[in-house]
N, C-alpha and C. Protein backbone atom coordinates (compact mmCIF):
# COMPACT_ATOMS: atom_id res chain seq x y z
N MET A 1 48.07 4.14 74.69
CA MET A 1 48.70 2.83 74.64
C MET A 1 50.18 2.99 75.00
N LEU A 2 50.67 2.10 75.84
CA LEU A 2 52.06 2.14 76.26
C LEU A 2 52.85 1.06 75.52
N PRO A 3 54.12 1.35 75.19
CA PRO A 3 54.91 0.40 74.40
C PRO A 3 55.36 -0.84 75.15
N VAL A 4 55.41 -1.95 74.42
CA VAL A 4 55.93 -3.22 74.92
C VAL A 4 56.85 -3.78 73.83
N GLN A 5 58.05 -4.18 74.21
CA GLN A 5 58.95 -4.86 73.28
C GLN A 5 59.07 -6.30 73.73
N ALA A 6 59.06 -7.24 72.79
CA ALA A 6 59.15 -8.66 73.12
C ALA A 6 60.35 -9.27 72.39
N GLU A 7 61.11 -10.07 73.12
CA GLU A 7 62.27 -10.78 72.56
C GLU A 7 62.16 -12.25 72.92
N SER A 8 62.37 -13.12 71.95
CA SER A 8 62.37 -14.56 72.23
C SER A 8 63.57 -14.92 73.08
N THR A 9 63.37 -15.88 74.00
CA THR A 9 64.48 -16.38 74.81
C THR A 9 64.98 -17.70 74.23
N ALA A 10 66.17 -18.11 74.62
CA ALA A 10 66.74 -19.36 74.14
C ALA A 10 65.91 -20.56 74.56
N SER A 11 65.18 -20.44 75.67
CA SER A 11 64.38 -21.57 76.16
C SER A 11 62.97 -21.62 75.55
N GLY A 12 62.69 -20.72 74.60
CA GLY A 12 61.39 -20.73 73.95
C GLY A 12 60.37 -19.80 74.56
N GLY A 13 60.75 -19.05 75.57
CA GLY A 13 59.85 -18.08 76.20
C GLY A 13 59.98 -16.71 75.55
N VAL A 14 59.50 -15.71 76.22
CA VAL A 14 59.54 -14.34 75.73
C VAL A 14 59.92 -13.41 76.88
N THR A 15 60.87 -12.51 76.63
CA THR A 15 61.19 -11.46 77.60
C THR A 15 60.49 -10.19 77.13
N LEU A 16 59.69 -9.61 78.02
CA LEU A 16 58.97 -8.38 77.73
C LEU A 16 59.70 -7.21 78.36
N ARG A 17 59.85 -6.14 77.62
CA ARG A 17 60.40 -4.89 78.14
C ARG A 17 59.24 -3.90 78.11
N LEU A 18 58.81 -3.50 79.30
CA LEU A 18 57.64 -2.66 79.46
C LEU A 18 58.07 -1.23 79.71
N SER A 19 57.48 -0.29 79.01
CA SER A 19 57.90 1.10 79.11
C SER A 19 56.72 2.01 79.40
N GLN A 20 57.01 3.08 80.10
CA GLN A 20 55.99 4.08 80.36
C GLN A 20 56.61 5.47 80.44
N GLU A 21 57.73 5.67 79.74
CA GLU A 21 58.46 6.92 79.85
C GLU A 21 57.70 8.14 79.35
N GLU A 22 56.71 7.96 78.49
CA GLU A 22 55.98 9.11 77.98
C GLU A 22 54.68 9.38 78.72
N CYS A 23 54.48 8.75 79.86
CA CYS A 23 53.25 8.94 80.64
C CYS A 23 53.35 10.17 81.52
N THR A 24 52.23 10.86 81.65
CA THR A 24 52.10 11.90 82.65
C THR A 24 51.99 11.18 83.98
N PRO A 25 52.73 11.57 85.00
CA PRO A 25 52.74 10.80 86.26
C PRO A 25 51.36 10.44 86.82
N THR A 26 50.43 11.37 86.81
CA THR A 26 49.11 11.08 87.37
C THR A 26 48.05 10.87 86.30
N GLY A 27 48.42 10.97 85.03
CA GLY A 27 47.47 10.78 83.94
C GLY A 27 46.60 12.01 83.73
N THR A 28 45.66 11.86 82.83
CA THR A 28 44.68 12.90 82.55
C THR A 28 43.32 12.22 82.52
N THR A 29 42.28 12.97 82.22
CA THR A 29 40.95 12.34 82.14
C THR A 29 40.88 11.34 80.99
N GLU A 30 41.75 11.48 80.00
CA GLU A 30 41.71 10.60 78.84
C GLU A 30 42.92 9.67 78.71
N ALA A 31 43.91 9.82 79.56
CA ALA A 31 45.14 9.05 79.41
C ALA A 31 45.58 8.43 80.73
N ILE A 32 46.20 7.27 80.61
CA ILE A 32 46.73 6.57 81.78
C ILE A 32 47.92 7.33 82.36
N GLY A 33 48.07 7.23 83.67
CA GLY A 33 49.25 7.77 84.35
C GLY A 33 50.33 6.69 84.40
N LYS A 34 51.34 6.88 85.24
CA LYS A 34 52.38 5.86 85.40
C LYS A 34 51.75 4.56 85.87
N ALA A 35 52.07 3.48 85.20
CA ALA A 35 51.49 2.19 85.55
C ALA A 35 52.00 1.71 86.90
N THR A 36 51.09 1.17 87.68
CA THR A 36 51.47 0.56 88.96
C THR A 36 51.28 -0.95 88.91
N GLU A 37 50.51 -1.43 87.91
CA GLU A 37 50.26 -2.87 87.77
C GLU A 37 50.24 -3.26 86.29
N ILE A 38 50.52 -4.54 86.06
CA ILE A 38 50.41 -5.11 84.71
C ILE A 38 49.65 -6.43 84.79
N MET A 39 49.07 -6.80 83.66
CA MET A 39 48.45 -8.12 83.52
C MET A 39 49.02 -8.71 82.22
N VAL A 40 49.55 -9.90 82.29
CA VAL A 40 50.18 -10.55 81.13
C VAL A 40 49.46 -11.86 80.88
N SER A 41 49.15 -12.13 79.60
CA SER A 41 48.42 -13.35 79.26
C SER A 41 48.84 -13.85 77.88
N ASP A 42 48.62 -15.14 77.65
CA ASP A 42 48.80 -15.69 76.31
C ASP A 42 47.46 -15.75 75.59
N LYS A 43 46.42 -15.16 76.18
CA LYS A 43 45.08 -15.14 75.60
C LYS A 43 44.61 -13.70 75.44
N PRO A 44 44.04 -13.33 74.30
CA PRO A 44 43.61 -11.94 74.10
C PRO A 44 42.48 -11.51 75.03
N ASP A 45 41.72 -12.45 75.59
CA ASP A 45 40.65 -12.09 76.54
C ASP A 45 41.14 -12.08 77.99
N PHE A 46 42.43 -12.36 78.20
CA PHE A 46 43.07 -12.35 79.52
C PHE A 46 42.43 -13.34 80.49
N ASP A 47 41.77 -14.37 79.98
CA ASP A 47 41.13 -15.38 80.82
C ASP A 47 42.16 -16.02 81.75
N GLY A 48 41.90 -15.96 83.05
CA GLY A 48 42.78 -16.57 84.05
C GLY A 48 43.96 -15.71 84.47
N ALA A 49 44.16 -14.55 83.84
CA ALA A 49 45.28 -13.67 84.19
C ALA A 49 44.93 -12.84 85.42
N ALA A 50 45.96 -12.38 86.12
CA ALA A 50 45.76 -11.56 87.33
C ALA A 50 46.67 -10.34 87.29
N TRP A 51 46.24 -9.27 87.94
CA TRP A 51 47.07 -8.08 88.06
C TRP A 51 48.25 -8.37 88.98
N GLU A 52 49.41 -7.80 88.63
CA GLU A 52 50.62 -7.93 89.44
C GLU A 52 51.36 -6.60 89.42
N PRO A 53 52.27 -6.37 90.36
CA PRO A 53 52.99 -5.10 90.39
C PRO A 53 53.76 -4.84 89.09
N PHE A 54 53.85 -3.57 88.69
CA PHE A 54 54.58 -3.18 87.49
C PHE A 54 56.06 -3.52 87.63
N VAL A 55 56.62 -4.06 86.58
CA VAL A 55 58.06 -4.29 86.45
C VAL A 55 58.47 -3.83 85.04
N SER A 56 59.70 -3.44 84.86
CA SER A 56 60.12 -2.98 83.53
C SER A 56 60.55 -4.14 82.62
N THR A 57 60.86 -5.30 83.20
CA THR A 57 61.23 -6.48 82.43
C THR A 57 60.56 -7.69 83.05
N LYS A 58 59.95 -8.53 82.20
CA LYS A 58 59.30 -9.74 82.68
C LYS A 58 59.51 -10.84 81.65
N THR A 59 59.89 -12.02 82.10
CA THR A 59 60.05 -13.16 81.21
C THR A 59 58.90 -14.12 81.44
N VAL A 60 58.27 -14.53 80.35
CA VAL A 60 57.20 -15.51 80.41
C VAL A 60 57.69 -16.77 79.71
N THR A 61 57.25 -17.91 80.21
CA THR A 61 57.80 -19.17 79.71
C THR A 61 57.19 -19.63 78.40
N LYS A 62 55.98 -19.19 78.09
CA LYS A 62 55.35 -19.60 76.83
C LYS A 62 55.71 -18.65 75.72
N GLY A 63 56.05 -19.19 74.55
CA GLY A 63 56.29 -18.37 73.38
C GLY A 63 54.96 -18.09 72.69
N GLY A 64 55.02 -17.50 71.53
CA GLY A 64 53.80 -17.18 70.80
C GLY A 64 53.29 -15.80 71.15
N SER A 65 52.00 -15.60 71.01
CA SER A 65 51.41 -14.29 71.30
C SER A 65 51.37 -14.03 72.80
N VAL A 66 51.69 -12.81 73.17
CA VAL A 66 51.64 -12.38 74.56
C VAL A 66 50.88 -11.05 74.59
N TRP A 67 49.92 -10.95 75.49
CA TRP A 67 49.09 -9.75 75.62
C TRP A 67 49.41 -9.09 76.95
N VAL A 68 49.46 -7.75 76.96
CA VAL A 68 49.80 -7.00 78.17
C VAL A 68 48.78 -5.88 78.39
N ARG A 69 48.34 -5.75 79.62
CA ARG A 69 47.51 -4.61 80.05
C ARG A 69 48.26 -3.87 81.14
N TYR A 70 48.16 -2.56 81.10
CA TYR A 70 48.72 -1.71 82.14
C TYR A 70 47.56 -1.11 82.95
N ARG A 71 47.79 -0.82 84.22
CA ARG A 71 46.80 -0.12 85.03
C ARG A 71 47.52 0.85 85.95
N ASP A 72 46.99 2.08 86.04
CA ASP A 72 47.60 3.08 86.91
C ASP A 72 46.90 3.11 88.25
N ARG A 73 47.36 3.98 89.14
CA ARG A 73 46.82 4.08 90.49
C ARG A 73 45.32 4.40 90.50
N ALA A 74 44.85 5.12 89.48
CA ALA A 74 43.44 5.51 89.39
C ALA A 74 42.57 4.40 88.77
N GLY A 75 43.20 3.29 88.38
CA GLY A 75 42.44 2.18 87.79
C GLY A 75 42.26 2.29 86.28
N LYS A 76 42.96 3.22 85.63
CA LYS A 76 42.86 3.36 84.16
C LYS A 76 43.80 2.39 83.49
């Protein structure tokens, strides 16, 4: 699992700080490598969410719960 920090914004959204500093660059058979994509959703089942390029900071306009998935080059 990779760390995510969330901070509320003045407009009611959330700024996410996404980190992967402790990842092995290419991963292992059991662990993700450096993330190349993220998926962000306000739903735990990620319904309607899409993969997008990895960024270290992302602001989402909806407050409340935010769910994040990481994916590396190998699809883990």
